[in-house]
Amino acid sequence: MIVVMKHGATEAMIQKMVERVESLGLKAHVIVGTERTVIAAVGDDRDQGKESLETCEEVEQVVPILAPYKIASRETKPEPSIVRVRDLAMGGGNIGIIAGPCSVESEEQILLSAQQVKAAGATALRGGAFKPRTSPYAFQGLKELGLQYLAAARDATGLAIVTEVMTPQHVEMVAKYADVLQIGARNMQNYHLLQAVGEIRKPVLLKRGPSATMEEFLLAAEYILDQGNQEVILCERGVRTFETHTRFTLPLASVPYLHERTHLPVIIDPSHGTGIASLVPSMSAAAVAAGADGLIIEVHPDPKKALSDGKQSLTPEAFAATMATCRRVADALGYVLS
């Protein structure tokens, strides 16, 4: 249920209602909107205690949430959520740009990458310290040393750091260095990991699994939101289909579809979505035109020498040109690209 508080409800009134909701055996999530505050009362029975809550004088109305994903739904929060960290902003007309190499390979490589993507206009640096690879013999990342290199690059450039966490045991360590915790596609339904990052008060970038439905994607986000972390970014990174001309099939219709159903920011990963560097600029511009709240793009100082995903990584020059194109598209549509 959504408990809609009356306009001008005080903090004391809101806390009193939270206690009332919890006394009914429901979990209360306070969501502050632009005009008024609502409390999402979540439990197995969405109508449990509805009548008793409606009688409270500080309550305007109590509305059942029809979507299976309660807190992520636009029924709960009609206006778009904006996730901000350092100079990165996503949602509500803000387009955030995250760029950098697939893997942190050395301190020199990640620092150079940070300087190059910042010069082109990115406000966040991506780079994997822990790398889930299909082959156990492929490069697995520098682990905590890679995190330290990322932090050093942030100190030098001011860019926010976005990096993947793979296990609940690593959440605390990664959160010590990162500004945004990324949940990779392979871990979208790792529910223990989702709950662990939900307990950390840092933004989470959640990638869609390659075979996940939209409902499964949003319910995965719900696991994070249900733990109290309201800063979740959804990332469409392509799905598996019968096609083989690209690494995955990148459905840009995901952007408007998700915007109709959730208040969470939606970004696109054109690098994994295509797997081909030459296709990334066009798909980036198309994603901005479709209304994406951000892009996460792989950029490497020398893609031919990359230890992972070189074929889908842009050169710094190609990234700068892509940014220029995306900025023109964003300007035409009245968005702010950062």
Protein backbone atom coordinates (compact mmCIF):
# COMPACT_ATOMS: atom_id res chain seq x y z
CA MET A 1 0.00 0.00 0.00
CA ILE A 2 0.93 3.64 -0.41
CA VAL A 3 0.08 5.85 2.53
CA VAL A 4 -0.18 9.38 1.14
CA MET A 5 0.44 11.94 3.89
CA LYS A 6 -1.44 15.23 3.89
CA HIS A 7 0.31 18.29 2.53
CA GLY A 8 2.47 19.85 5.23
CA ALA A 9 2.77 16.70 7.36
CA THR A 10 5.47 17.21 9.97
CA GLU A 11 8.40 14.90 10.69
CA ALA A 12 6.67 13.83 13.90
CA MET A 13 3.50 12.91 11.98
CA ILE A 14 5.50 10.91 9.48
CA GLN A 15 7.36 9.03 12.22
CA LYS A 16 4.10 8.30 14.00
CA MET A 17 2.68 6.81 10.81
CA VAL A 18 5.83 4.74 10.27
CA GLU A 19 5.35 3.24 13.72
CA ARG A 20 1.67 2.60 12.95
CA VAL A 21 2.54 0.81 9.71
CA GLU A 22 5.19 -1.32 11.39
CA SER A 23 2.78 -2.23 14.20
CA LEU A 24 0.67 -3.94 11.51
CA GLY A 25 3.59 -6.20 10.62
CA LEU A 26 4.44 -4.24 7.46
CA LYS A 27 7.74 -2.66 6.43
CA ALA A 28 7.61 1.13 6.07
CA HIS A 29 9.62 3.01 3.42
CA VAL A 30 9.42 6.79 3.60
CA ILE A 31 9.64 8.44 0.15
CA VAL A 32 9.86 12.22 0.08
CA GLY A 33 8.38 13.68 -3.11
CA THR A 34 8.42 17.18 -4.53
CA GLU A 35 4.93 17.96 -3.22
CA ARG A 36 4.28 15.52 -0.40
CA THR A 37 5.60 12.50 1.45
CA VAL A 38 4.32 8.97 0.99
CA ILE A 39 5.02 5.83 2.98
CA ALA A 40 5.22 2.54 1.12
CA ALA A 41 3.77 -0.11 3.43
CA VAL A 42 5.10 -3.39 2.10
CA GLY A 43 4.07 -6.88 3.18
CA ASP A 44 2.64 -10.14 1.88
CA ASP A 45 -0.94 -8.79 1.99
CA ARG A 46 -1.13 -5.35 0.39
CA ASP A 47 -4.57 -4.63 1.90
CA GLN A 48 -3.59 -5.56 5.45
CA GLY A 49 -4.59 -2.71 7.81
CA LYS A 50 -5.77 -0.43 5.00
CA GLU A 51 -8.93 0.69 6.76
CA SER A 52 -7.19 1.44 10.06
CA LEU A 53 -4.57 3.56 8.30
CA GLU A 54 -7.19 5.53 6.37
CA THR A 55 -8.76 6.73 9.62
CA CYS A 56 -5.60 8.57 10.73
CA GLU A 57 -6.04 12.35 10.52
CA GLU A 58 -2.56 12.97 9.00
CA VAL A 59 -3.32 10.60 6.09
CA GLU A 60 -4.87 11.86 2.86
CA GLN A 61 -5.44 8.45 1.28
CA VAL A 62 -4.23 4.85 1.20
CA VAL A 63 -3.78 3.32 -2.24
CA PRO A 64 -2.97 -0.32 -3.08
CA ILE A 65 0.19 -0.86 -5.15
CA LEU A 66 -0.74 -3.04 -8.09
CA ALA A 67 2.76 -3.66 -9.49
CA PRO A 68 4.69 -6.59 -7.99
CA TYR A 69 7.67 -4.26 -7.53
CA LYS A 70 6.33 -1.94 -4.84
CA ILE A 71 8.99 0.65 -4.05
CA ALA A 72 10.36 0.87 -7.60
CA SER A 73 6.92 1.53 -9.07
CA ARG A 74 5.71 4.90 -10.33
CA GLU A 75 2.58 4.19 -8.31
CA THR A 76 4.71 4.82 -5.24
CA LYS A 77 6.69 7.79 -6.63
CA PRO A 78 5.29 9.43 -9.78
CA GLU A 79 8.18 11.85 -10.33
CA PRO A 80 11.59 10.56 -11.54
CA SER A 81 14.31 9.92 -9.01
CA ILE A 82 17.67 11.62 -9.50
CA VAL A 83 20.87 9.92 -8.37
CA ARG A 84 23.74 12.34 -7.69
CA VAL A 85 27.28 11.56 -6.60
CA ARG A 86 30.07 14.12 -6.98
CA ASP A 87 29.53 15.68 -10.44
CA LEU A 88 27.59 12.69 -11.78
CA ALA A 89 23.81 13.15 -12.07
CA MET A 90 21.30 10.72 -13.58
CA GLY A 91 17.55 11.11 -13.92
CA GLY A 92 15.07 13.95 -14.21
CA GLY A 93 16.57 15.28 -17.45
CA ASN A 94 20.17 14.75 -16.35
CA ILE A 95 22.29 12.42 -18.52
CA GLY A 96 25.33 11.05 -16.69
CA ILE A 97 28.33 9.70 -18.56
CA ILE A 98 30.41 6.87 -17.08
CA ALA A 99 33.47 5.89 -19.10
CA GLY A 100 36.72 4.00 -18.76
CA PRO A 101 38.33 0.63 -19.44
CA CYS A 102 36.76 -2.74 -18.81
CA SER A 103 39.55 -3.66 -16.38
CA VAL A 104 41.99 -1.80 -14.19
CA GLU A 105 45.28 -3.07 -15.60
CA SER A 106 47.84 -0.77 -13.93
CA GLU A 107 47.99 2.51 -12.05
CA GLU A 108 49.33 4.30 -15.12
CA GLN A 109 46.60 2.89 -17.39
CA ILE A 110 43.68 3.85 -15.14
CA LEU A 111 45.05 7.32 -14.40
CA LEU A 112 45.56 8.01 -18.11
CA SER A 113 42.07 6.68 -18.85
CA ALA A 114 40.58 8.94 -16.18
CA GLN A 115 42.31 12.00 -17.58
CA GLN A 116 41.22 11.20 -21.12
CA VAL A 117 37.54 10.52 -20.40
CA LYS A 118 37.29 13.57 -18.16
CA ALA A 119 38.77 15.75 -20.89
CA ALA A 120 35.99 14.52 -23.21
CA GLY A 121 33.25 15.34 -20.68
CA ALA A 122 32.65 12.20 -18.58
CA THR A 123 31.88 12.73 -14.89
CA ALA A 124 32.46 9.16 -13.69
CA LEU A 125 35.18 6.57 -14.26
CA ARG A 126 34.40 2.88 -14.76
CA GLY A 127 36.93 0.11 -14.32
CA GLY A 128 36.79 -3.45 -13.04
CA ALA A 129 38.97 -4.46 -10.11
CA PHE A 130 37.15 -7.80 -9.81
CA LYS A 131 36.38 -9.30 -13.20
CA PRO A 132 33.90 -12.17 -13.72
CA ARG A 133 35.20 -13.96 -16.81
CA THR A 134 33.76 -16.87 -18.76
CA SER A 135 37.13 -18.62 -18.79
CA PRO A 136 38.94 -19.29 -15.48
CA TYR A 137 42.21 -18.63 -17.33
CA ALA A 138 41.31 -15.09 -18.40
CA PHE A 139 42.46 -11.98 -16.51
CA GLN A 140 40.47 -11.80 -13.25
CA GLY A 141 41.39 -8.27 -12.18
CA LEU A 142 43.80 -6.70 -9.68
CA LYS A 143 41.24 -6.90 -6.85
CA GLU A 144 41.91 -4.52 -3.92
CA LEU A 145 45.02 -3.12 -5.58
CA GLY A 146 42.81 -2.19 -8.53
CA LEU A 147 40.42 -0.43 -6.16
CA GLN A 148 43.32 1.54 -4.75
CA TYR A 149 44.34 2.59 -8.26
CA LEU A 150 40.76 3.72 -8.95
CA ALA A 151 40.75 5.79 -5.77
CA ALA A 152 44.05 7.38 -6.79
CA ALA A 153 42.55 8.27 -10.19
CA ARG A 154 39.57 9.86 -8.44
CA ASP A 155 41.90 11.91 -6.25
CA ALA A 156 43.74 13.12 -9.36
CA THR A 157 40.68 13.94 -11.50
CA GLY A 158 37.63 14.31 -9.24
CA LEU A 159 35.69 11.69 -11.21
CA ALA A 160 33.21 9.49 -9.35
CA ILE A 161 34.24 5.81 -9.31
CA VAL A 162 31.91 3.06 -10.60
CA THR A 163 33.14 -0.50 -10.12
CA GLU A 164 31.67 -3.97 -9.79
CA VAL A 165 31.21 -5.93 -6.60
CA MET A 166 30.80 -9.67 -7.04
CA THR A 167 30.12 -11.18 -3.61
CA PRO A 168 28.44 -10.08 -0.37
CA GLN A 169 31.81 -10.58 1.36
CA HIS A 170 33.40 -7.89 -0.84
CA VAL A 171 30.69 -5.22 -0.42
CA GLU A 172 32.26 -3.44 2.54
CA MET A 173 35.71 -3.40 0.93
CA VAL A 174 34.48 -2.14 -2.46
CA ALA A 175 32.28 0.48 -0.80
CA LYS A 176 35.37 1.86 0.97
CA TYR A 177 36.81 2.88 -2.42
CA ALA A 178 33.87 3.22 -4.84
CA ASP A 179 31.25 5.95 -5.21
CA VAL A 180 28.81 3.68 -7.08
CA LEU A 181 28.62 -0.10 -6.64
CA GLN A 182 27.90 -2.02 -9.84
CA ILE A 183 26.01 -5.31 -9.89
CA GLY A 184 26.93 -7.12 -13.10
CA ALA A 185 24.50 -8.93 -15.36
CA ARG A 186 25.58 -12.35 -14.08
CA ASN A 187 24.68 -11.30 -10.53
CA MET A 188 21.34 -9.62 -11.21
CA GLN A 189 19.52 -12.39 -9.35
CA ASN A 190 22.16 -12.97 -6.68
CA TYR A 191 19.70 -12.02 -3.96
CA HIS A 192 22.16 -12.15 -1.06
CA LEU A 193 24.39 -9.70 -2.94
CA LEU A 194 21.43 -7.44 -3.75
CA GLN A 195 20.46 -7.33 -0.09
CA ALA A 196 24.05 -6.63 0.94
CA VAL A 197 24.39 -3.60 -1.34
CA GLY A 198 20.94 -2.50 -0.20
CA GLU A 199 22.35 -2.11 3.30
CA ILE A 200 25.14 0.17 2.06
CA ARG A 201 24.17 3.81 1.64
CA LYS A 202 25.86 4.30 -1.69
CA PRO A 203 24.28 4.32 -5.15
CA VAL A 204 23.97 0.96 -6.90
CA LEU A 205 24.12 0.44 -10.67
CA LEU A 206 22.14 -2.71 -11.46
CA LYS A 207 22.66 -4.36 -14.86
CA ARG A 208 19.92 -6.41 -16.47
CA GLY A 209 20.67 -10.10 -16.83
CA PRO A 210 21.01 -11.27 -20.46
CA SER A 211 17.93 -13.51 -20.14
CA ALA A 212 15.94 -11.53 -17.56
CA THR A 213 12.45 -10.22 -18.17
CA MET A 214 11.62 -6.63 -17.28
CA GLU A 215 9.61 -7.77 -14.27
CA GLU A 216 12.54 -9.86 -13.01
CA PHE A 217 14.83 -6.84 -13.55
CA LEU A 218 12.59 -4.54 -11.53
CA LEU A 219 12.10 -7.13 -8.79
CA ALA A 220 15.90 -7.41 -8.52
CA ALA A 221 15.99 -3.64 -7.98
CA GLU A 222 13.26 -4.08 -5.39
CA TYR A 223 15.58 -6.28 -3.30
CA ILE A 224 17.99 -3.35 -3.00
CA LEU A 225 15.27 -0.78 -2.34
CA ASP A 226 13.65 -3.01 0.26
CA GLN A 227 16.80 -2.83 2.38
CA GLY A 228 16.52 0.96 2.53
CA ASN A 229 18.89 2.01 -0.26
CA GLN A 230 16.84 4.33 -2.49
CA GLU A 231 19.64 5.17 -4.94
CA VAL A 232 19.37 2.51 -7.63
CA ILE A 233 20.29 3.00 -11.30
CA LEU A 234 18.95 0.51 -13.85
CA CYS A 235 21.27 -0.42 -16.74
CA GLU A 236 20.14 -2.07 -19.97
CA ARG A 237 23.16 -3.90 -21.40
CA GLY A 238 21.57 -6.11 -24.01
CA VAL A 239 19.90 -9.51 -24.00
CA ARG A 240 20.58 -12.85 -25.66
CA THR A 241 18.63 -13.55 -28.85
CA PHE A 242 19.09 -15.74 -31.93
CA GLU A 243 21.14 -12.96 -33.58
CA THR A 244 24.90 -13.36 -33.87
CA HIS A 245 25.88 -10.16 -35.69
CA THR A 246 26.41 -8.43 -32.31
CA ARG A 247 27.54 -9.73 -28.94
CA PHE A 248 24.05 -9.12 -27.52
CA THR A 249 20.87 -7.50 -28.81
CA LEU A 250 20.47 -4.00 -27.40
CA PRO A 251 16.75 -3.13 -26.99
CA LEU A 252 16.53 0.66 -26.68
CA ALA A 253 12.76 0.34 -26.21
CA SER A 254 13.70 -0.65 -22.65
CA VAL A 255 14.25 3.04 -21.85
CA PRO A 256 10.72 4.41 -22.45
CA TYR A 257 9.17 1.16 -21.22
CA LEU A 258 10.98 1.38 -17.88
CA HIS A 259 10.31 5.10 -17.57
CA GLU A 260 6.58 4.34 -17.76
CA ARG A 261 6.82 1.86 -14.90
CA THR A 262 9.54 3.04 -12.54
CA HIS A 263 10.89 6.29 -11.16
CA LEU A 264 14.45 4.91 -11.14
CA PRO A 265 17.04 6.28 -13.60
CA VAL A 266 17.64 4.10 -16.68
CA ILE A 267 20.99 4.05 -18.47
CA ILE A 268 22.37 2.18 -21.48
CA ASP A 269 25.58 0.17 -21.94
CA PRO A 270 26.22 0.27 -25.70
CA SER A 271 29.62 -1.40 -25.33
CA HIS A 272 28.31 -4.72 -23.98
CA GLY A 273 25.06 -4.27 -25.89
CA THR A 274 26.86 -4.49 -29.22
CA GLY A 275 30.35 -5.83 -28.49
CA ILE A 276 31.64 -3.88 -31.50
CA ALA A 277 33.40 -0.55 -31.01
CA SER A 278 32.29 0.89 -34.35
CA LEU A 279 28.62 0.52 -33.34
CA VAL A 280 28.98 2.21 -29.94
CA PRO A 281 28.82 5.86 -31.13
CA SER A 282 25.56 5.38 -33.05
CA MET A 283 23.91 3.40 -30.26
CA SER A 284 25.03 5.99 -27.70
CA ALA A 285 23.38 8.79 -29.65
CA ALA A 286 20.26 6.66 -30.17
CA ALA A 287 20.10 5.93 -26.43
CA VAL A 288 20.18 9.65 -25.63
CA ALA A 289 17.44 10.24 -28.22
CA ALA A 290 15.36 7.47 -26.58
CA GLY A 291 15.53 9.32 -23.25
CA ALA A 292 18.26 7.40 -21.43
CA ASP A 293 19.41 8.96 -18.16
CA GLY A 294 23.01 8.01 -18.81
CA LEU A 295 25.58 5.93 -20.65
CA ILE A 296 28.33 3.60 -19.46
CA ILE A 297 30.95 3.26 -22.19
CA GLU A 298 34.18 1.29 -22.36
CA VAL A 299 37.15 3.47 -23.32
CA HIS A 300 40.77 2.30 -23.35
CA PRO A 301 43.96 4.27 -24.13
CA ASP A 302 44.96 1.50 -26.54
CA PRO A 303 42.12 -1.00 -27.16
CA LYS A 304 44.36 -3.39 -29.09
CA LYS A 305 46.39 -3.97 -25.93
CA ALA A 306 43.43 -4.23 -23.54
CA LEU A 307 43.42 -7.28 -21.26
CA SER A 308 39.63 -7.57 -21.62
CA ASP A 309 36.93 -6.41 -24.04
CA GLY A 310 39.26 -4.52 -26.38
CA LYS A 311 36.98 -5.15 -29.39
CA GLN A 312 34.16 -3.13 -27.84
CA SER A 313 36.30 -0.36 -26.33
CA LEU A 314 36.51 3.09 -27.90
CA THR A 315 39.74 4.97 -28.33
CA PRO A 316 39.88 8.30 -26.45
CA GLU A 317 39.47 10.12 -29.77
CA ALA A 318 36.39 8.10 -30.71
CA PHE A 319 34.92 8.69 -27.27
CA ALA A 320 35.42 12.45 -27.55
CA ALA A 321 33.64 12.42 -30.92
CA THR A 322 30.82 10.31 -29.46
CA MET A 323 30.41 12.76 -26.59
CA ALA A 324 30.16 15.67 -29.02
CA THR A 325 27.40 13.90 -30.96
CA CYS A 326 25.49 12.90 -27.83
CA ARG A 327 25.72 16.44 -26.49
CA ARG A 328 24.09 17.80 -29.67
CA VAL A 329 21.27 15.26 -29.34
CA ALA A 330 20.80 16.08 -25.65
CA ASP A 331 20.74 19.82 -26.35
CA ALA A 332 18.09 19.35 -29.04
CA LEU A 333 15.87 17.48 -26.58
CA GLY A 334 16.46 19.83 -23.66
CA TYR A 335 18.48 17.38 -21.52
CA VAL A 336 21.58 18.18 -19.48
CA LEU A 337 24.50 15.91 -20.38
CA SER A 338 27.17 15.59 -17.70
